[in-house]
Amino acid sequence: MIQVFVDTDICIDLLSDRKPFNHAAEILFSLSDLKKISIYVSSLSFSNIDNILRSQYSTKHSRQILAKFKTLVNVLSVDNKTIDLALASDFNDFEDAIQYACAIENNLSLIITRNIKDYKKATIKVMSPETFLSSH
């Protein structure tokens, strides 16, 4: 089974129905639901997603959405080593540095994001959802 690390932006596209990006996100996460791919996200993503969802929904509804979402993903810890790697990285965006370090620490070789340019220093594959879907 293909294992992919999905950046927070794609998760938000799905959960906040952010058009036009939600369509690719829906297809990507449906592949996880069908057990065709295994999606990994960092624990940091849940906090970031909740911050966005609470601008649209009540806290209770946001948590319900996140609970359902959690059934589609594998949650990876952000720990001391992850933060050390992110701090030592050349990434300009610290949140992206954390996501990248989390993927590397867990031996994942592909990150799916809409922010390709933010991962230009990555040593693993980085793809948009559309590129990933067209190649699989």
N, C-alpha and C. Protein backbone atom coordinates (compact mmCIF):
# COMPACT_ATOMS: atom_id res chain seq x y z
N MET A 1 0.85 -1.18 0.00
CA MET A 1 0.00 0.00 0.00
C MET A 1 0.89 1.24 0.00
N ILE A 2 0.51 2.22 -0.78
CA ILE A 2 1.25 3.47 -0.85
C ILE A 2 1.03 4.26 0.43
N GLN A 3 2.14 4.74 1.00
CA GLN A 3 2.08 5.55 2.20
C GLN A 3 2.46 6.97 1.84
N VAL A 4 1.60 7.93 2.22
CA VAL A 4 1.85 9.33 1.89
C VAL A 4 1.65 10.21 3.12
N PHE A 5 2.48 11.24 3.20
CA PHE A 5 2.31 12.25 4.23
C PHE A 5 1.53 13.39 3.59
N VAL A 6 0.44 13.80 4.21
CA VAL A 6 -0.40 14.85 3.65
C VAL A 6 -0.27 16.10 4.51
N ASP A 7 0.08 17.19 3.84
CA ASP A 7 0.25 18.47 4.51
C ASP A 7 -1.11 19.01 4.96
N THR A 8 -1.07 19.86 5.94
CA THR A 8 -2.29 20.41 6.55
C THR A 8 -3.20 21.11 5.54
N ASP A 9 -2.61 21.77 4.55
CA ASP A 9 -3.44 22.52 3.59
C ASP A 9 -4.43 21.62 2.88
N ILE A 10 -4.04 20.41 2.55
CA ILE A 10 -4.93 19.47 1.86
C ILE A 10 -6.04 19.02 2.81
N CYS A 11 -5.70 18.80 4.05
CA CYS A 11 -6.71 18.41 5.06
C CYS A 11 -7.75 19.51 5.21
N ILE A 12 -7.29 20.75 5.26
CA ILE A 12 -8.21 21.88 5.39
C ILE A 12 -9.07 22.02 4.14
N ASP A 13 -8.48 21.77 2.97
CA ASP A 13 -9.26 21.80 1.73
C ASP A 13 -10.46 20.86 1.83
N LEU A 14 -10.22 19.67 2.35
CA LEU A 14 -11.28 18.68 2.50
C LEU A 14 -12.30 19.10 3.55
N LEU A 15 -11.82 19.41 4.73
CA LEU A 15 -12.71 19.59 5.89
C LEU A 15 -13.44 20.92 5.91
N SER A 16 -12.89 21.92 5.25
CA SER A 16 -13.60 23.21 5.22
C SER A 16 -14.25 23.44 3.85
N ASP A 17 -14.20 22.40 3.00
CA ASP A 17 -14.83 22.46 1.68
C ASP A 17 -14.31 23.66 0.88
N ARG A 18 -12.98 23.85 0.92
CA ARG A 18 -12.33 24.99 0.28
C ARG A 18 -12.25 24.74 -1.23
N LYS A 19 -13.06 25.48 -1.95
CA LYS A 19 -13.14 25.34 -3.41
C LYS A 19 -12.06 26.18 -4.09
N PRO A 20 -11.50 25.76 -5.19
CA PRO A 20 -11.76 24.54 -5.96
C PRO A 20 -10.92 23.35 -5.51
N PHE A 21 -10.17 23.53 -4.42
CA PHE A 21 -9.19 22.52 -4.00
C PHE A 21 -9.82 21.30 -3.36
N ASN A 22 -11.05 21.42 -2.89
CA ASN A 22 -11.68 20.33 -2.17
C ASN A 22 -11.87 19.07 -3.02
N HIS A 23 -12.05 19.23 -4.32
CA HIS A 23 -12.31 18.08 -5.18
C HIS A 23 -11.16 17.07 -5.15
N ALA A 24 -9.95 17.54 -5.36
CA ALA A 24 -8.79 16.64 -5.33
C ALA A 24 -8.61 16.05 -3.94
N ALA A 25 -8.83 16.86 -2.92
CA ALA A 25 -8.72 16.36 -1.54
C ALA A 25 -9.74 15.26 -1.27
N GLU A 26 -10.95 15.44 -1.75
CA GLU A 26 -12.00 14.43 -1.57
C GLU A 26 -11.59 13.10 -2.21
N ILE A 27 -11.04 13.17 -3.41
CA ILE A 27 -10.61 11.95 -4.09
C ILE A 27 -9.47 11.29 -3.32
N LEU A 28 -8.50 12.09 -2.90
CA LEU A 28 -7.35 11.58 -2.17
C LEU A 28 -7.78 10.86 -0.89
N PHE A 29 -8.64 11.51 -0.11
CA PHE A 29 -9.06 10.89 1.15
C PHE A 29 -10.03 9.74 0.94
N SER A 30 -10.74 9.71 -0.18
CA SER A 30 -11.58 8.56 -0.46
C SER A 30 -10.71 7.32 -0.74
N LEU A 31 -9.52 7.54 -1.31
CA LEU A 31 -8.59 6.42 -1.51
C LEU A 31 -8.15 5.83 -0.17
N SER A 32 -8.00 6.69 0.82
CA SER A 32 -7.67 6.21 2.16
C SER A 32 -8.85 5.43 2.74
N ASP A 33 -10.05 5.96 2.57
CA ASP A 33 -11.24 5.29 3.07
C ASP A 33 -11.41 3.91 2.44
N LEU A 34 -11.02 3.79 1.18
CA LEU A 34 -11.11 2.52 0.46
C LEU A 34 -9.90 1.63 0.71
N LYS A 35 -8.98 2.07 1.57
CA LYS A 35 -7.77 1.33 1.94
C LYS A 35 -6.83 1.11 0.75
N LYS A 36 -6.85 2.06 -0.19
CA LYS A 36 -5.94 1.98 -1.35
C LYS A 36 -4.63 2.70 -1.08
N ILE A 37 -4.66 3.68 -0.19
CA ILE A 37 -3.45 4.37 0.25
C ILE A 37 -3.54 4.55 1.76
N SER A 38 -2.40 4.78 2.35
CA SER A 38 -2.35 5.04 3.77
C SER A 38 -1.86 6.47 3.96
N ILE A 39 -2.69 7.31 4.56
CA ILE A 39 -2.38 8.72 4.74
C ILE A 39 -1.88 8.97 6.16
N TYR A 40 -0.78 9.71 6.22
CA TYR A 40 -0.19 10.11 7.50
C TYR A 40 -0.23 11.63 7.62
N VAL A 41 -0.52 12.11 8.81
CA VAL A 41 -0.48 13.54 9.10
C VAL A 41 0.22 13.71 10.44
N SER A 42 0.74 14.90 10.67
CA SER A 42 1.37 15.16 11.97
C SER A 42 0.30 15.56 12.98
N SER A 43 0.61 15.37 14.24
CA SER A 43 -0.31 15.79 15.29
C SER A 43 -0.52 17.31 15.24
N LEU A 44 0.48 18.03 14.77
CA LEU A 44 0.37 19.48 14.62
C LEU A 44 -0.79 19.86 13.69
N SER A 45 -1.05 19.04 12.69
CA SER A 45 -2.13 19.32 11.74
C SER A 45 -3.48 19.45 12.43
N PHE A 46 -3.71 18.64 13.45
CA PHE A 46 -5.01 18.69 14.12
C PHE A 46 -5.27 20.04 14.77
N SER A 47 -4.26 20.60 15.37
CA SER A 47 -4.40 21.92 15.98
C SER A 47 -4.65 22.99 14.91
N ASN A 48 -3.87 22.93 13.85
CA ASN A 48 -4.03 23.90 12.75
C ASN A 48 -5.41 23.79 12.10
N ILE A 49 -5.86 22.57 11.89
CA ILE A 49 -7.17 22.35 11.27
C ILE A 49 -8.27 22.88 12.19
N ASP A 50 -8.17 22.57 13.48
CA ASP A 50 -9.19 23.03 14.43
C ASP A 50 -9.28 24.56 14.44
N ASN A 51 -8.15 25.24 14.36
CA ASN A 51 -8.17 26.71 14.33
C ASN A 51 -8.97 27.23 13.15
N ILE A 52 -8.84 26.59 12.01
CA ILE A 52 -9.59 27.00 10.81
C ILE A 52 -11.07 26.62 10.94
N LEU A 53 -11.32 25.40 11.35
CA LEU A 53 -12.72 24.93 11.44
C LEU A 53 -13.54 25.74 12.43
N ARG A 54 -12.91 26.18 13.53
CA ARG A 54 -13.65 26.95 14.52
C ARG A 54 -14.06 28.33 14.01
N SER A 55 -13.48 28.77 12.90
CA SER A 55 -13.95 30.02 12.30
C SER A 55 -15.22 29.78 11.48
N GLN A 56 -15.52 28.52 11.19
CA GLN A 56 -16.71 28.15 10.42
C GLN A 56 -17.79 27.47 11.27
N TYR A 57 -17.34 26.75 12.30
CA TYR A 57 -18.25 25.90 13.07
C TYR A 57 -18.05 26.14 14.56
N SER A 58 -18.97 25.62 15.35
CA SER A 58 -18.81 25.65 16.80
C SER A 58 -17.66 24.72 17.19
N THR A 59 -17.17 24.89 18.40
CA THR A 59 -16.10 24.01 18.90
C THR A 59 -16.55 22.55 18.87
N LYS A 60 -17.77 22.31 19.31
CA LYS A 60 -18.30 20.93 19.33
C LYS A 60 -18.34 20.33 17.93
N HIS A 61 -18.83 21.10 16.96
CA HIS A 61 -18.92 20.59 15.59
C HIS A 61 -17.52 20.39 15.00
N SER A 62 -16.61 21.28 15.28
CA SER A 62 -15.24 21.13 14.80
C SER A 62 -14.63 19.83 15.32
N ARG A 63 -14.85 19.56 16.59
CA ARG A 63 -14.30 18.33 17.19
C ARG A 63 -14.94 17.08 16.58
N GLN A 64 -16.23 17.16 16.25
CA GLN A 64 -16.90 16.03 15.60
C GLN A 64 -16.29 15.77 14.22
N ILE A 65 -16.04 16.84 13.50
CA ILE A 65 -15.41 16.73 12.17
C ILE A 65 -14.03 16.10 12.31
N LEU A 66 -13.25 16.57 13.27
CA LEU A 66 -11.90 16.03 13.48
C LEU A 66 -11.93 14.57 13.89
N ALA A 67 -12.91 14.18 14.69
CA ALA A 67 -13.02 12.78 15.11
C ALA A 67 -13.29 11.87 13.91
N LYS A 68 -14.15 12.31 13.01
CA LYS A 68 -14.42 11.53 11.79
C LYS A 68 -13.19 11.50 10.89
N PHE A 69 -12.53 12.65 10.79
CA PHE A 69 -11.33 12.75 9.96
C PHE A 69 -10.24 11.80 10.46
N LYS A 70 -10.12 11.68 11.77
CA LYS A 70 -9.08 10.83 12.36
C LYS A 70 -9.19 9.38 11.91
N THR A 71 -10.38 8.94 11.52
CA THR A 71 -10.54 7.56 11.05
C THR A 71 -9.91 7.34 9.69
N LEU A 72 -9.59 8.42 8.97
CA LEU A 72 -9.01 8.32 7.63
C LEU A 72 -7.49 8.41 7.61
N VAL A 73 -6.90 8.80 8.73
CA VAL A 73 -5.47 9.10 8.75
C VAL A 73 -4.76 8.38 9.89
N ASN A 74 -3.45 8.32 9.75
CA ASN A 74 -2.57 7.87 10.81
C ASN A 74 -1.89 9.12 11.36
N VAL A 75 -1.98 9.32 12.66
CA VAL A 75 -1.44 10.54 13.27
C VAL A 75 -0.03 10.26 13.80
N LEU A 76 0.91 11.08 13.34
CA LEU A 76 2.30 10.95 13.76
C LEU A 76 2.64 12.01 14.80
N SER A 77 3.42 11.62 15.78
CA SER A 77 3.81 12.54 16.85
C SER A 77 4.82 13.57 16.38
N VAL A 78 4.68 14.74 16.93
CA VAL A 78 5.70 15.77 16.80
C VAL A 78 6.40 15.79 18.15
N ASP A 79 7.66 15.36 18.16
CA ASP A 79 8.38 15.25 19.42
C ASP A 79 9.62 16.13 19.42
N ASN A 80 10.41 15.95 20.44
CA ASN A 80 11.63 16.74 20.63
C ASN A 80 12.55 16.66 19.40
N LYS A 81 12.76 15.46 18.90
CA LYS A 81 13.64 15.27 17.75
C LYS A 81 13.07 15.95 16.50
N THR A 82 11.76 15.85 16.33
CA THR A 82 11.12 16.50 15.18
C THR A 82 11.36 18.00 15.21
N ILE A 83 11.17 18.60 16.38
CA ILE A 83 11.38 20.05 16.51
C ILE A 83 12.84 20.40 16.30
N ASP A 84 13.76 19.60 16.84
CA ASP A 84 15.19 19.86 16.61
C ASP A 84 15.53 19.83 15.13
N LEU A 85 15.01 18.85 14.42
CA LEU A 85 15.25 18.76 12.96
C LEU A 85 14.67 19.97 12.24
N ALA A 86 13.47 20.38 12.64
CA ALA A 86 12.83 21.54 12.00
C ALA A 86 13.63 22.81 12.28
N LEU A 87 14.11 22.96 13.51
CA LEU A 87 14.90 24.14 13.86
C LEU A 87 16.21 24.20 13.07
N ALA A 88 16.78 23.05 12.80
CA ALA A 88 18.05 22.99 12.08
C ALA A 88 17.89 23.02 10.56
N SER A 89 16.66 22.98 10.09
CA SER A 89 16.43 22.91 8.64
C SER A 89 16.61 24.28 7.97
N ASP A 90 16.68 24.24 6.65
CA ASP A 90 16.77 25.47 5.86
C ASP A 90 15.41 25.96 5.39
N PHE A 91 14.34 25.37 5.88
CA PHE A 91 13.00 25.77 5.47
C PHE A 91 12.68 27.16 6.01
N ASN A 92 12.09 28.00 5.18
CA ASN A 92 11.70 29.34 5.63
C ASN A 92 10.48 29.30 6.53
N ASP A 93 9.52 28.45 6.20
CA ASP A 93 8.28 28.34 6.95
C ASP A 93 8.45 27.25 8.02
N PHE A 94 8.39 27.65 9.29
CA PHE A 94 8.65 26.70 10.37
C PHE A 94 7.62 25.58 10.43
N GLU A 95 6.36 25.89 10.16
CA GLU A 95 5.32 24.86 10.18
C GLU A 95 5.63 23.80 9.12
N ASP A 96 6.04 24.23 7.94
CA ASP A 96 6.42 23.28 6.89
C ASP A 96 7.66 22.48 7.30
N ALA A 97 8.58 23.12 7.99
CA ALA A 97 9.78 22.43 8.48
C ALA A 97 9.39 21.31 9.44
N ILE A 98 8.42 21.59 10.31
CA ILE A 98 7.95 20.57 11.24
C ILE A 98 7.29 19.42 10.48
N GLN A 99 6.44 19.76 9.51
CA GLN A 99 5.75 18.71 8.74
C GLN A 99 6.78 17.83 8.01
N TYR A 100 7.75 18.48 7.39
CA TYR A 100 8.79 17.76 6.66
C TYR A 100 9.58 16.86 7.60
N ALA A 101 10.01 17.40 8.74
CA ALA A 101 10.78 16.61 9.70
C ALA A 101 9.96 15.42 10.20
N CYS A 102 8.68 15.63 10.39
CA CYS A 102 7.80 14.54 10.83
C CYS A 102 7.75 13.42 9.78
N ALA A 103 7.63 13.80 8.52
CA ALA A 103 7.61 12.81 7.44
C ALA A 103 8.94 12.06 7.37
N ILE A 104 10.05 12.79 7.45
CA ILE A 104 11.38 12.17 7.38
C ILE A 104 11.59 11.22 8.57
N GLU A 105 11.24 11.67 9.76
CA GLU A 105 11.43 10.86 10.96
C GLU A 105 10.66 9.55 10.91
N ASN A 106 9.59 9.54 10.14
CA ASN A 106 8.75 8.34 10.04
C ASN A 106 8.95 7.59 8.74
N ASN A 107 10.07 7.87 8.08
CA ASN A 107 10.49 7.15 6.87
C ASN A 107 9.48 7.19 5.74
N LEU A 108 8.78 8.30 5.63
CA LEU A 108 7.84 8.47 4.52
C LEU A 108 8.60 9.15 3.37
N SER A 109 8.32 8.73 2.16
CA SER A 109 9.10 9.23 1.02
C SER A 109 8.31 10.13 0.08
N LEU A 110 7.09 10.52 0.49
CA LEU A 110 6.26 11.38 -0.36
C LEU A 110 5.40 12.29 0.51
N ILE A 111 5.45 13.58 0.19
CA ILE A 111 4.59 14.57 0.82
C ILE A 111 3.64 15.10 -0.24
N ILE A 112 2.36 15.16 0.10
CA ILE A 112 1.36 15.75 -0.79
C ILE A 112 0.95 17.08 -0.19
N THR A 113 1.10 18.13 -1.00
CA THR A 113 0.81 19.50 -0.55
C THR A 113 0.46 20.36 -1.75
N ARG A 114 -0.21 21.48 -1.49
CA ARG A 114 -0.39 22.48 -2.54
C ARG A 114 0.74 23.50 -2.51
N ASN A 115 1.53 23.48 -1.45
CA ASN A 115 2.61 24.45 -1.29
C ASN A 115 3.95 23.85 -1.72
N ILE A 116 4.03 23.42 -2.96
CA ILE A 116 5.24 22.77 -3.48
C ILE A 116 6.47 23.66 -3.26
N LYS A 117 6.33 24.94 -3.52
CA LYS A 117 7.49 25.85 -3.42
C LYS A 117 8.06 25.92 -2.02
N ASP A 118 7.23 25.70 -1.01
CA ASP A 118 7.70 25.73 0.37
C ASP A 118 8.55 24.52 0.73
N TYR A 119 8.53 23.50 -0.12
CA TYR A 119 9.28 22.27 0.12
C TYR A 119 10.42 22.09 -0.88
N LYS A 120 10.89 23.19 -1.46
CA LYS A 120 11.93 23.09 -2.50
C LYS A 120 13.24 22.50 -1.97
N LYS A 121 13.46 22.54 -0.66
CA LYS A 121 14.68 21.98 -0.08
C LYS A 121 14.49 20.53 0.38
N ALA A 122 13.36 19.96 0.07
CA ALA A 122 13.06 18.58 0.48
C ALA A 122 13.94 17.59 -0.26
N THR A 123 14.29 16.52 0.42
CA THR A 123 15.08 15.45 -0.20
C THR A 123 14.20 14.25 -0.53
N ILE A 124 12.91 14.37 -0.28
CA ILE A 124 11.96 13.33 -0.67
C ILE A 124 10.98 13.93 -1.68
N LYS A 125 10.19 13.08 -2.33
CA LYS A 125 9.24 13.56 -3.33
C LYS A 125 8.18 14.45 -2.70
N VAL A 126 7.83 15.49 -3.42
CA VAL A 126 6.76 16.40 -3.00
C VAL A 126 5.86 16.59 -4.22
N MET A 127 4.58 16.34 -4.06
CA MET A 127 3.63 16.42 -5.17
C MET A 127 2.37 17.15 -4.75
N SER A 128 1.72 17.73 -5.74
CA SER A 128 0.38 18.27 -5.51
C SER A 128 -0.60 17.09 -5.50
N PRO A 129 -1.77 17.28 -4.95
CA PRO A 129 -2.76 16.19 -4.99
C PRO A 129 -3.10 15.78 -6.42
N GLU A 130 -3.20 16.76 -7.30
CA GLU A 130 -3.55 16.48 -8.70
C GLU A 130 -2.47 15.63 -9.38
N THR A 131 -1.21 15.96 -9.13
CA THR A 131 -0.10 15.19 -9.72
C THR A 131 -0.10 13.79 -9.18
N PHE A 132 -0.28 13.67 -7.88
CA PHE A 132 -0.33 12.32 -7.28
C PHE A 132 -1.47 11.51 -7.87
N LEU A 133 -2.65 12.10 -7.95
CA LEU A 133 -3.82 11.36 -8.44
C LEU A 133 -3.66 10.96 -9.90
N SER A 134 -3.04 11.81 -10.69
CA SER A 134 -2.86 11.48 -12.11
C SER A 134 -1.80 10.40 -12.32
N SER A 135 -0.92 10.23 -11.35
CA SER A 135 0.15 9.24 -11.50
C SER A 135 -0.17 7.91 -10.80
N HIS A 136 -1.29 7.86 -10.11
CA HIS A 136 -1.66 6.61 -9.40
C HIS A 136 -3.06 6.22 -9.76
